[in-house]
């Protein structure tokens, strides 16, 4: 009988001991903002509220099933509350520093190691005003509109204890597509001289492509540096340029070529001009009677005598398959301007009589073909009558 009593007492002692061990294996915790369990170095759970109560954990502070603590009373405070003086750690995936965006809508992709409030300010045109993007957020992923050109901003992250972090970013926006407004020549002949007008604030490359399937295709890069005189700004139009480019076309003389321009801006947007086909003529006109001394057999001009002294008689013997015109400028005129002498040839000859006022005259004569090739001659004479 005594042995049974001792056995019952031992069993009851073991039950109580196991019960106490069971209870001490779990506990209820109360956390304050920013505290992590089981530890700051191993944050399986972090409290992002003013307080987090009734968290069931093991005796090593690891989160466990809430049912393990169903019979517990009030929670106990976890650790010591420390003053938070550390700003949030922001991860800014976008905007990217010094990046060139082809759209005015720029993505803000920002993460943080804790909930934060997000602000930004335009350092160029912001007027000192901060724009708030969100409060007590875990991260931010939205697009914000910016102006074309250089943008400099400062991003601010602030935690609930008013700890701030400031990060500056600058980037470019070029949302306007480049345009090729005009190219020349558009029809007729090509001599190697081309012209193009473009509309673009930030051009980076302008290329002339030309050629055919017989000789092959080539390209020429246009120098966009305004100091080198290939291009110039067109007054009254922001970002509008006019550019001249000259290439050698002797290999294509007498053939047809295709040409077009390609324009690229800093955002790698591309514009391509219309393609044109032209006949190539790089041969200059030939003046066969090019002795300019009047009265000589091979001279192209003579002066009348006596009362006909005011007349100059022109006889041009020209070899040119694509003849255009012959013009002159009298530099002794009050307002010198180019005037036409001949617009056609008959069997290679153009004859013309022209009267001039009294005095000394200096004439520059130009012979053009339809491709724009030209030769010039200068003559001088006096009208006394």
Protein backbone atom coordinates (compact mmCIF):
# COMPACT_ATOMS: atom_id res chain seq x y z
CA UNK A 1 0.00 0.00 0.00
CA UNK A 2 2.80 2.36 0.88
CA UNK A 3 4.53 1.56 -2.37
CA UNK A 4 1.41 2.55 -4.33
CA UNK A 5 1.24 5.90 -2.57
CA UNK A 6 4.87 6.60 -3.36
CA UNK A 7 4.31 5.69 -7.03
CA UNK A 8 1.27 7.99 -7.28
CA UNK A 9 3.22 10.85 -5.72
CA UNK A 10 6.09 10.36 -8.18
CA UNK A 11 3.73 10.30 -11.15
CA UNK A 12 2.04 13.51 -9.95
CA UNK A 13 5.45 15.15 -9.54
CA UNK A 14 6.45 14.21 -13.09
CA UNK A 15 3.17 15.54 -14.47
CA UNK A 16 3.67 18.87 -12.68
CA UNK A 17 7.29 19.01 -13.84
CA UNK A 18 6.35 18.32 -17.47
CA UNK A 19 3.56 20.86 -17.26
CA UNK A 20 5.95 23.51 -16.02
CA UNK A 21 8.42 22.63 -18.78
CA UNK A 22 5.68 22.88 -21.38
CA UNK A 23 4.55 26.28 -20.19
CA UNK A 24 8.05 27.71 -20.06
CA UNK A 25 8.76 26.63 -23.69
CA UNK A 26 6.48 29.40 -25.09
CA UNK A 27 5.66 33.00 -24.24
CA UNK A 28 3.62 35.95 -25.44
CA UNK A 29 5.53 39.06 -26.50
CA UNK A 30 4.66 42.70 -27.08
CA UNK A 31 6.79 44.50 -29.70
CA UNK A 32 7.13 48.20 -30.42
CA UNK A 33 7.73 49.79 -33.84
CA UNK A 34 10.85 48.51 -35.58
CA UNK A 35 11.57 45.62 -33.22
CA UNK A 36 12.37 42.26 -34.82
CA UNK A 37 12.19 38.68 -33.57
CA UNK A 38 13.99 36.48 -32.86
CA UNK A 39 16.63 39.26 -33.21
CA UNK A 40 17.59 42.31 -35.24
CA UNK A 41 20.26 40.20 -36.96
CA UNK A 42 17.69 37.51 -37.82
CA UNK A 43 14.44 39.42 -38.44
CA UNK A 44 11.86 36.70 -39.12
CA UNK A 45 9.20 39.18 -38.12
CA UNK A 46 9.40 42.98 -37.77
CA UNK A 47 6.78 45.20 -36.19
CA UNK A 48 5.88 48.08 -38.52
CA UNK A 49 3.08 49.43 -36.31
CA UNK A 50 3.13 51.51 -33.17
CA UNK A 51 2.81 48.23 -31.26
CA UNK A 52 2.39 44.54 -32.04
CA UNK A 53 0.84 42.49 -29.18
CA UNK A 54 0.27 38.85 -28.30
CA UNK A 55 2.96 37.35 -30.49
CA UNK A 56 3.46 33.68 -29.58
CA UNK A 57 7.13 32.69 -29.61
CA UNK A 58 9.40 29.96 -28.28
CA UNK A 59 11.69 30.61 -25.38
CA UNK A 60 14.32 31.52 -28.01
CA UNK A 61 11.98 34.18 -29.39
CA UNK A 62 11.20 32.31 -32.62
CA UNK A 63 7.62 32.85 -33.92
CA UNK A 64 5.42 29.79 -33.47
CA UNK A 65 1.78 28.67 -33.69
CA UNK A 66 -0.53 31.06 -31.73
CA UNK A 67 -2.36 27.98 -30.34
CA UNK A 68 0.75 27.18 -28.33
CA UNK A 69 -0.02 30.25 -26.21
CA UNK A 70 -3.83 30.01 -26.07
CA UNK A 71 -3.97 29.80 -22.28
CA UNK A 72 -1.48 32.61 -21.61
CA UNK A 73 -2.45 35.92 -20.11
CA UNK A 74 -1.00 39.32 -21.01
CA UNK A 75 2.06 39.66 -23.24
CA UNK A 76 5.43 40.74 -21.93
CA UNK A 77 7.58 43.52 -23.35
CA UNK A 78 10.37 42.40 -25.65
CA UNK A 79 13.82 43.75 -24.98
CA UNK A 80 14.52 47.41 -24.41
CA UNK A 81 13.07 50.20 -26.51
CA UNK A 82 15.89 52.08 -28.24
CA UNK A 83 15.81 55.52 -29.84
CA UNK A 84 15.64 55.20 -33.65
CA UNK A 85 18.16 57.57 -35.25
CA UNK A 86 18.84 55.55 -38.42
CA UNK A 87 17.25 56.77 -41.70
CA UNK A 88 15.62 54.26 -44.04
CA UNK A 89 17.89 52.48 -46.49
CA UNK A 90 16.49 53.30 -49.95
CA UNK A 91 17.13 51.19 -53.05
CA UNK A 92 16.52 53.30 -56.17
CA UNK A 93 16.27 51.15 -59.28
CA UNK A 94 14.82 54.02 -61.31
CA UNK A 95 15.33 56.84 -62.24
CA UNK A 96 18.86 55.97 -63.32
CA UNK A 97 21.52 58.63 -62.94
CA UNK A 98 22.55 60.28 -66.26
CA UNK A 99 20.15 58.05 -68.21
CA UNK A 100 18.38 59.37 -71.32
CA UNK A 101 14.64 58.68 -71.36
CA UNK A 102 12.64 58.77 -74.60
CA UNK A 103 9.36 59.42 -72.74
CA UNK A 104 8.36 62.20 -70.37
CA UNK A 105 6.85 59.54 -68.07
CA UNK A 106 9.79 58.37 -65.97
CA UNK A 107 9.46 55.29 -63.75
CA UNK A 108 10.13 55.67 -60.02
CA UNK A 109 11.07 52.21 -58.71
CA UNK A 110 12.14 52.66 -55.08
CA UNK A 111 12.38 50.14 -52.24
CA UNK A 112 13.25 50.45 -48.55
CA UNK A 113 14.23 48.33 -45.56
CA UNK A 114 11.33 49.83 -43.57
CA UNK A 115 8.07 51.67 -44.23
CA UNK A 116 8.79 55.25 -45.20
CA UNK A 117 7.32 58.44 -46.59
CA UNK A 118 8.59 59.43 -50.04
CA UNK A 119 9.17 62.94 -51.39
CA UNK A 120 11.04 64.57 -54.27
CA UNK A 121 11.97 68.11 -55.31
CA UNK A 122 12.87 69.54 -58.72
CA UNK A 123 16.26 71.18 -58.19
CA UNK A 124 15.95 73.29 -61.37
CA UNK A 125 12.34 74.51 -61.52
CA UNK A 126 10.85 73.20 -58.27
CA UNK A 127 10.69 76.54 -56.51
CA UNK A 128 11.83 74.93 -53.26
CA UNK A 129 8.64 72.84 -52.92
CA UNK A 130 8.70 69.13 -52.02
CA UNK A 131 6.17 66.81 -53.67
CA UNK A 132 4.95 63.91 -51.51
CA UNK A 133 4.52 60.61 -53.34
CA UNK A 134 3.42 58.36 -50.47
CA UNK A 135 3.26 57.94 -46.68
CA UNK A 136 4.17 54.88 -44.60
CA UNK A 137 4.70 52.74 -47.72
CA UNK A 138 6.94 49.68 -48.16
CA UNK A 139 8.03 50.79 -51.65
CA UNK A 140 7.04 52.88 -54.69
CA UNK A 141 6.54 51.85 -58.33
CA UNK A 142 4.87 54.52 -60.49
CA UNK A 143 5.64 56.85 -63.40
CA UNK A 144 6.02 60.61 -62.98
CA UNK A 145 6.01 63.19 -65.78
CA UNK A 146 9.06 65.40 -66.38
CA UNK A 147 9.94 68.10 -68.90
CA UNK A 148 12.20 67.51 -71.89
CA UNK A 149 15.88 68.27 -71.37
CA UNK A 150 18.08 67.93 -68.28
CA UNK A 151 16.27 67.11 -65.02
CA UNK A 152 17.92 67.29 -61.59
CA UNK A 153 15.91 66.04 -58.60
CA UNK A 154 16.45 65.15 -54.96
CA UNK A 155 14.60 62.12 -53.53
CA UNK A 156 13.84 62.08 -49.78
CA UNK A 157 12.88 59.07 -47.69
CA UNK A 158 11.61 59.62 -44.12
CA UNK A 159 10.77 56.97 -41.50
CA UNK A 160 8.16 57.31 -38.72
CA UNK A 161 10.77 58.80 -36.39
CA UNK A 162 11.52 61.59 -38.88
CA UNK A 163 14.89 60.24 -39.92
CA UNK A 164 15.61 61.48 -43.45
CA UNK A 165 17.80 60.27 -46.30
CA UNK A 166 18.44 62.49 -49.35
CA UNK A 167 19.58 61.12 -52.72
CA UNK A 168 20.18 63.29 -55.80
CA UNK A 169 19.56 62.08 -59.34
CA UNK A 170 19.92 63.72 -62.73
CA UNK A 171 18.71 62.42 -66.08
CA UNK A 172 17.69 63.58 -69.54
CA UNK A 173 14.31 63.43 -71.24
CA UNK A 174 13.98 63.62 -75.03
CA UNK A 175 10.41 62.69 -75.86
CA UNK A 176 10.15 64.58 -79.17
CA UNK A 177 10.83 62.41 -82.18
CA UNK A 178 13.45 63.78 -84.61
CA UNK A 179 12.18 65.04 -87.96
CA UNK A 180 13.74 65.51 -91.37
CA UNK A 181 11.83 68.45 -92.84
CA UNK A 182 13.41 68.83 -96.27
CA UNK A 183 16.07 67.36 -98.56
CA UNK A 184 17.51 68.62 -101.84
CA UNK A 185 17.77 67.88 -104.69
CA UNK A 186 14.45 66.11 -105.10
CA UNK A 187 14.44 65.61 -108.84
CA UNK A 188 16.64 65.98 -111.87
CA UNK A 189 20.37 65.61 -111.43
CA UNK A 190 22.87 65.08 -108.65
CA UNK A 191 26.35 66.57 -108.78
CA UNK A 192 27.45 65.58 -105.26
CA UNK A 193 26.00 68.55 -103.37
CA UNK A 194 23.08 67.78 -101.00
CA UNK A 195 21.09 69.80 -98.49
CA UNK A 196 18.92 68.72 -95.55
CA UNK A 197 16.81 70.50 -92.93
CA UNK A 198 16.19 68.76 -89.60
CA UNK A 199 14.03 69.51 -86.53
CA UNK A 200 15.66 68.17 -83.36
CA UNK A 201 16.87 69.77 -80.11
CA UNK A 202 19.44 67.06 -79.39
CA UNK A 203 20.75 65.54 -82.63
CA UNK A 204 23.64 63.10 -82.24
CA UNK A 205 24.09 61.71 -85.76
CA UNK A 206 23.03 62.66 -89.29
CA UNK A 207 24.05 60.35 -92.13
CA UNK A 208 23.67 60.68 -95.90
CA UNK A 209 23.23 57.30 -97.63
CA UNK A 210 23.65 57.11 -101.41
CA UNK A 211 24.50 54.77 -104.26
CA UNK A 212 23.08 52.06 -106.50
CA UNK A 213 23.37 48.35 -107.16
CA UNK A 214 25.99 48.82 -109.87
CA UNK A 215 28.79 50.63 -108.05
CA UNK A 216 27.43 50.03 -104.53
CA UNK A 217 26.07 52.05 -101.63
CA UNK A 218 28.06 54.45 -99.45
CA UNK A 219 27.39 56.82 -96.57
CA UNK A 220 28.69 60.14 -95.34
CA UNK A 221 28.31 61.41 -91.77
CA UNK A 222 27.33 65.07 -91.53
CA UNK A 223 29.31 67.18 -89.05
CA UNK A 224 26.68 68.60 -86.66
CA UNK A 225 29.19 70.91 -84.97
CA UNK A 226 27.94 74.41 -85.76
CA UNK A 227 31.47 75.78 -85.56
CA UNK A 228 32.53 73.73 -88.61
CA UNK A 229 29.97 75.38 -90.92
CA UNK A 230 28.38 72.22 -92.33
CA UNK A 231 25.21 73.03 -90.41
CA UNK A 232 23.64 76.23 -89.15
CA UNK A 233 20.64 77.08 -87.00
CA UNK A 234 17.67 78.41 -88.92
CA UNK A 235 16.56 81.64 -87.29
CA UNK A 236 13.21 81.69 -85.57
CA UNK A 237 12.96 77.92 -85.19
CA UNK A 238 14.30 76.26 -82.06
CA UNK A 239 16.20 73.07 -82.87
CA UNK A 240 15.92 73.52 -86.64
CA UNK A 241 19.15 73.10 -88.60
CA UNK A 242 20.08 73.40 -92.25
CA UNK A 243 23.06 71.29 -93.34
CA UNK A 244 25.14 71.07 -96.53
CA UNK A 245 27.03 67.92 -97.39
CA UNK A 246 29.19 67.22 -100.42
CA UNK A 247 30.34 63.81 -101.66
CA UNK A 248 32.29 62.53 -104.65
CA UNK A 249 30.02 60.99 -107.30
CA UNK A 250 32.50 60.55 -110.18
CA UNK A 251 32.12 56.75 -109.98
CA UNK A 252 28.39 57.15 -110.63
CA UNK A 253 28.63 59.68 -113.50
CA UNK A 254 25.95 58.96 -116.11
CA UNK A 255 24.11 56.54 -113.77
CA UNK A 256 21.11 56.89 -111.46
CA UNK A 257 21.62 56.84 -107.70
CA UNK A 258 19.33 56.60 -104.69
CA UNK A 259 19.86 58.83 -101.66
CA UNK A 260 18.29 59.42 -98.25
CA UNK A 261 19.20 60.84 -94.81
CA UNK A 262 18.95 59.16 -91.38
CA UNK A 263 18.80 61.30 -88.20
CA UNK A 264 19.36 60.01 -84.62
CA UNK A 265 18.83 61.91 -81.36
CA UNK A 266 20.26 61.39 -77.85
CA UNK A 267 17.41 59.02 -76.94
CA UNK A 268 18.31 56.84 -79.98
CA UNK A 269 15.06 57.77 -81.73
CA UNK A 270 15.52 57.64 -85.51
CA UNK A 271 14.00 59.53 -88.42
CA UNK A 272 14.54 58.54 -92.05
CA UNK A 273 13.90 60.87 -94.98
CA UNK A 274 12.13 60.00 -98.18
CA UNK A 275 14.27 58.16 -100.75
CA UNK A 276 14.96 59.94 -104.05
CA UNK A 277 16.44 58.69 -107.32
CA UNK A 278 18.55 61.13 -109.35
CA UNK A 279 20.70 61.02 -112.45
CA UNK A 280 24.34 61.78 -111.72
CA UNK A 281 26.16 64.43 -113.73
CA UNK A 282 29.58 65.40 -112.43
CA UNK A 283 30.96 66.66 -115.75
CA UNK A 284 31.39 70.43 -116.00
CA UNK A 285 30.28 72.37 -119.08
CA UNK A 286 33.01 73.12 -121.59
CA UNK A 287 33.29 76.53 -123.29
CA UNK A 288 35.07 75.80 -126.53
CA UNK A 289 35.71 79.42 -127.54
CA UNK A 290 37.18 80.40 -124.20
CA UNK A 291 39.65 83.07 -125.34
CA UNK A 292 38.28 86.17 -123.62
CA UNK A 293 40.25 88.70 -125.66
CA UNK A 294 37.72 90.54 -127.84
CA UNK A 295 38.34 90.33 -131.55
CA UNK A 296 40.22 87.04 -131.38
CA UNK A 297 38.82 84.23 -133.54
CA UNK A 298 38.12 81.99 -130.55
CA UNK A 299 36.68 84.72 -128.32
CA UNK A 300 33.06 84.29 -127.11
CA UNK A 301 32.44 88.05 -127.10
CA UNK A 302 33.12 91.17 -129.13
CA UNK A 303 32.24 94.85 -128.65
CA UNK A 304 30.55 97.00 -131.23
CA UNK A 305 32.27 100.04 -132.72
CA UNK A 306 31.15 103.61 -133.12
CA UNK A 307 27.55 104.15 -132.18
CA UNK A 308 27.33 100.41 -131.55
CA UNK A 309 29.98 100.65 -128.87
CA UNK A 310 27.36 100.04 -126.15
CA UNK A 311 26.64 96.55 -127.52
CA UNK A 312 28.44 93.36 -126.51
CA UNK A 313 27.96 90.46 -128.93
CA UNK A 314 28.15 87.03 -127.30
CA UNK A 315 28.68 83.76 -129.16
CA UNK A 316 28.95 80.80 -126.77
CA UNK A 317 30.11 77.46 -128.17
CA UNK A 318 29.33 75.05 -125.32
CA UNK A 319 29.64 71.30 -124.95
CA UNK A 320 27.16 70.07 -122.32
CA UNK A 321 24.56 67.31 -122.57
CA UNK A 322 22.45 68.73 -119.73
CA UNK A 323 22.75 72.44 -120.44
CA UNK A 324 20.74 74.73 -118.16
CA UNK A 325 21.59 78.41 -118.66
CA UNK A 326 24.22 81.14 -119.02
CA UNK A 327 24.05 84.14 -116.69
CA UNK A 328 26.07 87.24 -115.87
CA UNK A 329 26.58 89.71 -113.02
CA UNK A 330 27.67 93.28 -113.77
CA UNK A 331 29.57 94.35 -110.65
CA UNK A 332 29.41 98.03 -111.68
CA UNK A 333 25.62 98.11 -111.32
CA UNK A 334 24.20 100.00 -108.35
CA UNK A 335 22.64 96.74 -107.20
CA UNK A 336 24.48 93.84 -108.86
CA UNK A 337 22.34 90.80 -109.49
CA UNK A 338 22.48 87.69 -111.64
CA UNK A 339 20.79 88.07 -115.02
CA UNK A 340 20.16 85.46 -117.70
CA UNK A 341 21.87 85.55 -121.09
CA UNK A 342 20.97 82.17 -122.59
CA UNK A 343 18.45 79.47 -121.66
CA UNK A 344 19.03 77.10 -124.61
CA UNK A 345 21.63 76.02 -127.13
CA UNK A 346 21.13 75.41 -130.84
CA UNK A 347 23.68 72.91 -132.09
CA UNK A 348 25.80 73.84 -129.09
CA UNK A 349 25.69 77.57 -129.87
CA UNK A 350 24.03 80.49 -128.10
CA UNK A 351 24.23 83.96 -129.65
CA UNK A 352 23.13 87.05 -127.76
CA UNK A 353 23.47 90.84 -128.03
CA UNK A 354 23.37 92.94 -124.87
CA UNK A 355 23.55 96.74 -124.43
CA UNK A 356 25.30 98.46 -121.50
CA UNK A 357 25.34 102.02 -120.20
CA UNK A 358 28.31 104.36 -120.50
CA UNK A 359 31.30 103.60 -118.24
CA UNK A 360 33.57 100.77 -117.17
CA UNK A 361 32.05 97.30 -116.75
CA UNK A 362 33.21 94.09 -115.02
CA UNK A 363 31.13 91.01 -115.84
CA UNK A 364 31.26 87.55 -114.28
CA UNK A 365 29.68 85.01 -116.63
CA UNK A 366 28.46 81.61 -115.39
CA UNK A 367 27.60 78.57 -117.53
CA UNK A 368 25.42 76.03 -115.68
CA UNK A 369 24.23 72.52 -116.36
CA UNK A 370 21.09 71.04 -114.82
CA UNK A 371 23.09 69.28 -112.11
CA UNK A 372 24.44 72.59 -110.85
CA UNK A 373 27.93 72.21 -112.30
CA UNK A 374 29.22 75.53 -113.58
CA UNK A 375 32.21 77.32 -115.05
CA UNK A 376 32.87 81.04 -114.98
CA UNK A 377 34.56 83.68 -117.10
CA UNK A 378 35.29 87.35 -116.34
CA UNK A 379 35.40 90.11 -118.94
CA UNK A 380 35.98 93.88 -118.71
CA UNK A 381 35.17 96.65 -121.19
CA UNK A 382 34.37 100.37 -121.48
CA UNK A 383 31.39 101.96 -123.13
CA UNK A 384 32.31 105.42 -124.49
CA UNK A 385 29.49 106.24 -126.87
